[in-house]
């Protein structure tokens, strides 16, 4: 069983890399950020407050996993709400077991019979500290803002690049400054700066690292 942990900043390309590695090796894939987005969406739908720990915890305890495929989770408002609900210790603890269970029970591919790729913000530091390979993905803020702006416009949202950049800076500060499981590279993570790199170049670089570490 091989576990690949990917952490990184918002809109850095970690999700794209995670899906690419999972497809390349035939491993299971989990975008853990969607768990928090689904919780946030559930709180909002029920009329709750994402800044109230109890509301987030209740939603996390009753999370409907089928919501992870809902396109609404990709929207700007849900993304902003997710980063607010993710600061609550109660919410993170409620979702911890699900993430670890996913990493431990994946059975797709792999020369040893299984493998999993998880991406998020505390995978290598908290969720899977013993992962076989860890990555930390980042990119310049302007580059990330441009990517996110293009994505949101593609969803039909009316938002300026400047607004997206402001939101991204706020989210970076919140993710890295929270008291519980702050965003930071694991000590043994391989750093990948995706600024100016194509999706193919990032994947190629990551595959070479995984192959060298795991001898796949």
C-alpha atoms as a PDB file:
ATOM      1  CA  UNK A   1       0.000   0.000   0.000  1.00  0.00           C
ATOM      2  CA  UNK A   2       1.477   3.311  -1.098  1.00  0.00           C
ATOM      3  CA  UNK A   3       0.181   6.645   0.177  1.00  0.00           C
ATOM      4  CA  UNK A   4       1.018   9.928  -1.522  1.00  0.00           C
ATOM      5  CA  UNK A   5       0.264  13.101   0.466  1.00  0.00           C
ATOM      6  CA  UNK A   6      -0.045  16.437  -1.300  1.00  0.00           C
ATOM      7  CA  UNK A   7      -0.352  19.729   0.564  1.00  0.00           C
ATOM      8  CA  UNK A   8      -0.208  23.225  -0.795  1.00  0.00           C
ATOM      9  CA  UNK A   9      -1.649  26.668  -1.156  1.00  0.00           C
ATOM     10  CA  UNK A  10      -4.994  27.484  -2.715  1.00  0.00           C
ATOM     11  CA  UNK A  11      -5.043  27.319  -6.544  1.00  0.00           C
ATOM     12  CA  UNK A  12      -1.448  26.083  -6.674  1.00  0.00           C
ATOM     13  CA  UNK A  13      -2.379  23.051  -8.763  1.00  0.00           C
ATOM     14  CA  UNK A  14      -2.229  20.411  -6.034  1.00  0.00           C
ATOM     15  CA  UNK A  15      -5.626  19.010  -6.999  1.00  0.00           C
ATOM     16  CA  UNK A  16      -4.664  18.684 -10.636  1.00  0.00           C
ATOM     17  CA  UNK A  17      -1.429  16.988  -9.582  1.00  0.00           C
ATOM     18  CA  UNK A  18      -3.288  14.668  -7.231  1.00  0.00           C
ATOM     19  CA  UNK A  19      -5.694  13.522  -9.918  1.00  0.00           C
ATOM     20  CA  UNK A  20      -2.814  13.153 -12.373  1.00  0.00           C
ATOM     21  CA  UNK A  21      -0.770  10.964 -10.027  1.00  0.00           C
ATOM     22  CA  UNK A  22      -3.802   8.839  -9.152  1.00  0.00           C
ATOM     23  CA  UNK A  23      -4.537   8.262 -12.841  1.00  0.00           C
ATOM     24  CA  UNK A  24      -0.881   7.540 -13.625  1.00  0.00           C
ATOM     25  CA  UNK A  25      -0.509   4.862 -10.946  1.00  0.00           C
ATOM     26  CA  UNK A  26      -4.101   3.639 -10.819  1.00  0.00           C
ATOM     27  CA  UNK A  27      -4.518   4.758  -7.209  1.00  0.00           C
ATOM     28  CA  UNK A  28      -7.602   6.026  -5.378  1.00  0.00           C
ATOM     29  CA  UNK A  29      -7.834   9.805  -5.034  1.00  0.00           C
ATOM     30  CA  UNK A  30      -9.375  12.074  -2.416  1.00  0.00           C
ATOM     31  CA  UNK A  31      -9.573  15.841  -2.577  1.00  0.00           C
ATOM     32  CA  UNK A  32      -9.907  16.476   1.155  1.00  0.00           C
ATOM     33  CA  UNK A  33     -10.740  20.116   0.524  1.00  0.00           C
ATOM     34  CA  UNK A  34     -14.069  18.943  -0.851  1.00  0.00           C
ATOM     35  CA  UNK A  35     -14.912  17.500   2.550  1.00  0.00           C
ATOM     36  CA  UNK A  36     -14.648  20.956   4.090  1.00  0.00           C
ATOM     37  CA  UNK A  37     -16.477  22.517   1.168  1.00  0.00           C
ATOM     38  CA  UNK A  38     -19.294  20.000   1.574  1.00  0.00           C
ATOM     39  CA  UNK A  39     -19.483  20.750   5.298  1.00  0.00           C
ATOM     40  CA  UNK A  40     -19.552  24.491   4.627  1.00  0.00           C
ATOM     41  CA  UNK A  41     -22.222  24.081   1.961  1.00  0.00           C
ATOM     42  CA  UNK A  42     -24.345  22.013   4.339  1.00  0.00           C
ATOM     43  CA  UNK A  43     -24.029  24.684   7.034  1.00  0.00           C
ATOM     44  CA  UNK A  44     -25.061  27.404   4.615  1.00  0.00           C
ATOM     45  CA  UNK A  45     -27.965  25.354   3.262  1.00  0.00           C
ATOM     46  CA  UNK A  46     -29.291  24.743   6.766  1.00  0.00           C
ATOM     47  CA  UNK A  47     -29.126  28.427   7.629  1.00  0.00           C
ATOM     48  CA  UNK A  48     -26.230  27.949  10.014  1.00  0.00           C
ATOM     49  CA  UNK A  49     -23.109  30.048  10.541  1.00  0.00           C
ATOM     50  CA  UNK A  50     -19.733  28.740   9.306  1.00  0.00           C
ATOM     51  CA  UNK A  51     -17.972  30.758  12.019  1.00  0.00           C
ATOM     52  CA  UNK A  52     -19.813  28.828  14.743  1.00  0.00           C
ATOM     53  CA  UNK A  53     -17.978  25.582  15.653  1.00  0.00           C
ATOM     54  CA  UNK A  54     -21.149  23.758  16.690  1.00  0.00           C
ATOM     55  CA  UNK A  55     -22.795  24.353  13.302  1.00  0.00           C
ATOM     56  CA  UNK A  56     -19.757  23.032  11.454  1.00  0.00           C
ATOM     57  CA  UNK A  57     -19.407  20.014  13.731  1.00  0.00           C
ATOM     58  CA  UNK A  58     -23.047  19.037  13.280  1.00  0.00           C
ATOM     59  CA  UNK A  59     -22.702  19.240   9.491  1.00  0.00           C
ATOM     60  CA  UNK A  60     -19.465  17.215   9.555  1.00  0.00           C
ATOM     61  CA  UNK A  61     -21.054  14.513  11.709  1.00  0.00           C
ATOM     62  CA  UNK A  62     -23.929  14.166   9.260  1.00  0.00           C
ATOM     63  CA  UNK A  63     -21.967  14.699   6.042  1.00  0.00           C
ATOM     64  CA  UNK A  64     -23.482  13.142   2.942  1.00  0.00           C
ATOM     65  CA  UNK A  65     -20.479  11.872   0.927  1.00  0.00           C
ATOM     66  CA  UNK A  66     -22.525  12.041  -2.283  1.00  0.00           C
ATOM     67  CA  UNK A  67     -22.253  15.827  -2.006  1.00  0.00           C
ATOM     68  CA  UNK A  68     -18.569  15.635  -2.963  1.00  0.00           C
ATOM     69  CA  UNK A  69     -19.545  15.428  -6.638  1.00  0.00           C
ATOM     70  CA  UNK A  70     -21.830  18.481  -6.526  1.00  0.00           C
ATOM     71  CA  UNK A  71     -20.476  21.257  -8.837  1.00  0.00           C
ATOM     72  CA  UNK A  72     -21.610  23.891  -6.326  1.00  0.00           C
ATOM     73  CA  UNK A  73     -18.615  22.983  -4.188  1.00  0.00           C
ATOM     74  CA  UNK A  74     -16.351  24.641  -6.777  1.00  0.00           C
ATOM     75  CA  UNK A  75     -18.016  28.041  -6.394  1.00  0.00           C
ATOM     76  CA  UNK A  76     -16.296  31.019  -4.849  1.00  0.00           C
ATOM     77  CA  UNK A  77     -18.718  31.523  -1.932  1.00  0.00           C
ATOM     78  CA  UNK A  78     -18.514  27.882  -0.868  1.00  0.00           C
ATOM     79  CA  UNK A  79     -14.723  27.947  -1.112  1.00  0.00           C
ATOM     80  CA  UNK A  80     -14.557  31.037   1.091  1.00  0.00           C
ATOM     81  CA  UNK A  81     -16.942  29.461   3.601  1.00  0.00           C
ATOM     82  CA  UNK A  82     -14.896  26.242   3.632  1.00  0.00           C
ATOM     83  CA  UNK A  83     -11.757  27.998   4.802  1.00  0.00           C
ATOM     84  CA  UNK A  84     -13.754  29.503   7.676  1.00  0.00           C
ATOM     85  CA  UNK A  85     -15.320  26.239   8.790  1.00  0.00           C
ATOM     86  CA  UNK A  86     -11.947  24.469   8.515  1.00  0.00           C
ATOM     87  CA  UNK A  87     -10.452  26.464  11.400  1.00  0.00           C
ATOM     88  CA  UNK A  88     -12.701  24.705  13.919  1.00  0.00           C
ATOM     89  CA  UNK A  89     -11.023  21.906  15.869  1.00  0.00           C
ATOM     90  CA  UNK A  90     -14.329  20.063  16.171  1.00  0.00           C
ATOM     91  CA  UNK A  91     -14.792  19.950  12.403  1.00  0.00           C
ATOM     92  CA  UNK A  92     -11.249  18.800  11.711  1.00  0.00           C
ATOM     93  CA  UNK A  93     -11.526  16.023  14.292  1.00  0.00           C
ATOM     94  CA  UNK A  94     -14.851  14.883  12.853  1.00  0.00           C
ATOM     95  CA  UNK A  95     -13.315  14.516   9.388  1.00  0.00           C
ATOM     96  CA  UNK A  96      -9.973  13.084  10.520  1.00  0.00           C
ATOM     97  CA  UNK A  97     -11.141   9.480  10.778  1.00  0.00           C
ATOM     98  CA  UNK A  98     -12.747   9.535   7.336  1.00  0.00           C
ATOM     99  CA  UNK A  99      -9.536  10.738   5.695  1.00  0.00           C
ATOM    100  CA  UNK A 100      -7.300   8.248   7.490  1.00  0.00           C
ATOM    101  CA  UNK A 101      -9.748   5.456   6.758  1.00  0.00           C
ATOM    102  CA  UNK A 102      -9.623   6.345   3.060  1.00  0.00           C
ATOM    103  CA  UNK A 103      -5.828   6.250   3.042  1.00  0.00           C
ATOM    104  CA  UNK A 104      -5.756   2.914   4.820  1.00  0.00           C
ATOM    105  CA  UNK A 105      -8.372   1.080   2.797  1.00  0.00           C
ATOM    106  CA  UNK A 106      -7.652   2.105  -0.804  1.00  0.00           C
ATOM    107  CA  UNK A 107      -7.160  -0.968  -2.944  1.00  0.00           C
ATOM    108  CA  UNK A 108      -6.539   0.273  -6.469  1.00  0.00           C
ATOM    109  CA  UNK A 109      -3.403  -0.447  -8.434  1.00  0.00           C
ATOM    110  CA  UNK A 110       0.109  -0.365  -7.070  1.00  0.00           C
ATOM    111  CA  UNK A 111       2.734  -3.036  -7.282  1.00  0.00           C
ATOM    112  CA  UNK A 112       2.016  -3.994  -3.679  1.00  0.00           C
ATOM    113  CA  UNK A 113      -1.752  -4.164  -4.138  1.00  0.00           C
ATOM    114  CA  UNK A 114      -2.974  -0.689  -3.269  1.00  0.00           C
ATOM    115  CA  UNK A 115      -2.413   3.000  -3.266  1.00  0.00           C
ATOM    116  CA  UNK A 116      -4.005   6.317  -2.385  1.00  0.00           C
ATOM    117  CA  UNK A 117      -3.377   9.952  -3.228  1.00  0.00           C
ATOM    118  CA  UNK A 118      -4.784  12.593  -0.891  1.00  0.00           C
ATOM    119  CA  UNK A 119      -4.447  16.329  -1.298  1.00  0.00           C
ATOM    120  CA  UNK A 120      -5.277  19.123   1.097  1.00  0.00           C
ATOM    121  CA  UNK A 121      -3.547  21.359   3.596  1.00  0.00           C
ATOM    122  CA  UNK A 122      -2.526  19.048   6.421  1.00  0.00           C
ATOM    123  CA  UNK A 123      -2.178  15.657   4.757  1.00  0.00           C
ATOM    124  CA  UNK A 124       1.553  15.191   5.249  1.00  0.00           C
ATOM    125  CA  UNK A 125       1.647  16.876   8.653  1.00  0.00           C
ATOM    126  CA  UNK A 126      -1.515  15.545  10.353  1.00  0.00           C
ATOM    127  CA  UNK A 127      -3.636  13.131   8.331  1.00  0.00           C
ATOM    128  CA  UNK A 128      -0.913  10.859   6.923  1.00  0.00           C
ATOM    129  CA  UNK A 129       2.371  11.782   8.629  1.00  0.00           C
ATOM    130  CA  UNK A 130       3.794   8.396   7.600  1.00  0.00           C
ATOM    131  CA  UNK A 131       2.907   8.765   3.900  1.00  0.00           C
ATOM    132  CA  UNK A 132       5.412   7.156   1.537  1.00  0.00           C
ATOM    133  CA  UNK A 133       5.810  10.338  -0.504  1.00  0.00           C
ATOM    134  CA  UNK A 134       4.911  13.892   0.474  1.00  0.00           C
ATOM    135  CA  UNK A 135       4.630  16.953  -1.731  1.00  0.00           C
ATOM    136  CA  UNK A 136       4.132  20.624  -0.967  1.00  0.00           C
ATOM    137  CA  UNK A 137       2.836  22.555  -3.953  1.00  0.00           C
ATOM    138  CA  UNK A 138       2.953  26.336  -4.247  1.00  0.00           C
ATOM    139  CA  UNK A 139       3.030  29.109  -6.852  1.00  0.00           C
ATOM    140  CA  UNK A 140       3.302  32.888  -6.913  1.00  0.00           C
ATOM    141  CA  UNK A 141       0.153  34.614  -5.627  1.00  0.00           C
ATOM    142  CA  UNK A 142      -0.459  36.464  -8.892  1.00  0.00           C
ATOM    143  CA  UNK A 143      -0.240  33.236 -10.862  1.00  0.00           C
ATOM    144  CA  UNK A 144      -2.623  31.469  -8.505  1.00  0.00           C
ATOM    145  CA  UNK A 145      -5.074  34.359  -8.573  1.00  0.00           C
ATOM    146  CA  UNK A 146      -5.078  34.335 -12.375  1.00  0.00           C
ATOM    147  CA  UNK A 147      -5.797  30.597 -12.425  1.00  0.00           C
ATOM    148  CA  UNK A 148      -8.633  30.910  -9.918  1.00  0.00           C
ATOM    149  CA  UNK A 149     -10.110  33.921 -11.721  1.00  0.00           C
ATOM    150  CA  UNK A 150     -10.176  32.003 -14.985  1.00  0.00           C
ATOM    151  CA  UNK A 151     -11.843  29.077 -13.235  1.00  0.00           C
ATOM    152  CA  UNK A 152     -14.542  31.213 -11.612  1.00  0.00           C
ATOM    153  CA  UNK A 153     -15.286  33.080 -14.828  1.00  0.00           C
ATOM    154  CA  UNK A 154     -15.640  29.679 -16.495  1.00  0.00           C
ATOM    155  CA  UNK A 155     -18.306  28.833 -13.907  1.00  0.00           C
ATOM    156  CA  UNK A 156     -20.151  32.000 -14.867  1.00  0.00           C
ATOM    157  CA  UNK A 157     -19.230  34.074 -11.814  1.00  0.00           C
ATOM    158  CA  UNK A 158     -18.842  37.835 -12.242  1.00  0.00           C
ATOM    159  CA  UNK A 159     -15.707  38.729 -10.306  1.00  0.00           C
ATOM    160  CA  UNK A 160     -12.607  40.801 -10.958  1.00  0.00           C
ATOM    161  CA  UNK A 161      -9.056  39.514 -10.862  1.00  0.00           C
ATOM    162  CA  UNK A 162      -8.282  42.060  -8.143  1.00  0.00           C
ATOM    163  CA  UNK A 163     -11.070  40.695  -5.963  1.00  0.00           C
ATOM    164  CA  UNK A 164      -9.852  37.145  -6.465  1.00  0.00           C
ATOM    165  CA  UNK A 165      -6.318  38.170  -5.475  1.00  0.00           C
ATOM    166  CA  UNK A 166      -7.594  39.870  -2.321  1.00  0.00           C
ATOM    167  CA  UNK A 167      -9.583  36.753  -1.384  1.00  0.00           C
ATOM    168  CA  UNK A 168      -6.597  34.531  -2.069  1.00  0.00           C
ATOM    169  CA  UNK A 169      -4.325  36.610   0.179  1.00  0.00           C
ATOM    170  CA  UNK A 170      -6.944  36.474   2.932  1.00  0.00           C
ATOM    171  CA  UNK A 171      -7.269  32.723   2.549  1.00  0.00           C
ATOM    172  CA  UNK A 172      -3.488  32.192   2.601  1.00  0.00           C
ATOM    173  CA  UNK A 173      -3.278  34.117   5.861  1.00  0.00           C
ATOM    174  CA  UNK A 174      -6.150  32.171   7.400  1.00  0.00           C
ATOM    175  CA  UNK A 175      -4.834  28.762   6.289  1.00  0.00           C
ATOM    176  CA  UNK A 176      -1.283  29.342   7.476  1.00  0.00           C
ATOM    177  CA  UNK A 177      -2.215  31.250  10.614  1.00  0.00           C
ATOM    178  CA  UNK A 178      -4.849  28.995  12.143  1.00  0.00           C
ATOM    179  CA  UNK A 179      -3.966  27.424  15.480  1.00  0.00           C
ATOM    180  CA  UNK A 180      -5.027  23.901  14.501  1.00  0.00           C
ATOM    181  CA  UNK A 181      -3.220  22.111  11.647  1.00  0.00           C
ATOM    182  CA  UNK A 182      -1.884  25.243   9.929  1.00  0.00           C
ATOM    183  CA  UNK A 183      -0.820  25.001   6.320  1.00  0.00           C
ATOM    184  CA  UNK A 184       2.913  24.311   6.157  1.00  0.00           C
ATOM    185  CA  UNK A 185       5.247  21.884   4.386  1.00  0.00           C
ATOM    186  CA  UNK A 186       5.989  18.618   6.148  1.00  0.00           C
ATOM    187  CA  UNK A 187       9.653  18.419   7.092  1.00  0.00           C
ATOM    188  CA  UNK A 188      10.221  15.664   4.536  1.00  0.00           C
ATOM    189  CA  UNK A 189       7.993  17.048   1.770  1.00  0.00           C
ATOM    190  CA  UNK A 190       9.251  17.536  -1.780  1.00  0.00           C
ATOM    191  CA  UNK A 191       8.605  21.137  -2.788  1.00  0.00           C
ATOM    192  CA  UNK A 192       7.182  21.897  -6.240  1.00  0.00           C
ATOM    193  CA  UNK A 193       6.709  25.481  -7.439  1.00  0.00           C
ATOM    194  CA  UNK A 194       4.199  25.353 -10.294  1.00  0.00           C
ATOM    195  CA  UNK A 195       4.666  28.975 -11.369  1.00  0.00           C
ATOM    196  CA  UNK A 196       5.287  28.954 -15.104  1.00  0.00           C
ATOM    197  CA  UNK A 197       5.052  25.174 -15.385  1.00  0.00           C
ATOM    198  CA  UNK A 198       2.515  23.283 -17.479  1.00  0.00           C
ATOM    199  CA  UNK A 199       0.326  20.558 -15.989  1.00  0.00           C
ATOM    200  CA  UNK A 200       2.410  17.978 -17.855  1.00  0.00           C
ATOM    201  CA  UNK A 201       5.685  19.367 -16.520  1.00  0.00           C
ATOM    202  CA  UNK A 202       4.446  19.335 -12.931  1.00  0.00           C
ATOM    203  CA  UNK A 203       3.189  15.760 -13.239  1.00  0.00           C
ATOM    204  CA  UNK A 204       6.419  14.600 -14.863  1.00  0.00           C
ATOM    205  CA  UNK A 205       8.454  16.120 -12.051  1.00  0.00           C
ATOM    206  CA  UNK A 206       6.266  14.504  -9.384  1.00  0.00           C
ATOM    207  CA  UNK A 207       6.257  11.081 -11.069  1.00  0.00           C
ATOM    208  CA  UNK A 208      10.043  11.065 -11.195  1.00  0.00           C
ATOM    209  CA  UNK A 209      10.137  11.736  -7.438  1.00  0.00           C
ATOM    210  CA  UNK A 210       7.541   9.073  -6.626  1.00  0.00           C
ATOM    211  CA  UNK A 211       9.345   6.510  -8.772  1.00  0.00           C
ATOM    212  CA  UNK A 212      12.680   7.287  -7.138  1.00  0.00           C
ATOM    213  CA  UNK A 213      11.273   7.048  -3.607  1.00  0.00           C
ATOM    214  CA  UNK A 214       9.016   4.041  -4.021  1.00  0.00           C
ATOM    215  CA  UNK A 215      10.748   2.257  -6.910  1.00  0.00           C
ATOM    216  CA  UNK A 216       7.430   1.830  -8.736  1.00  0.00           C
END
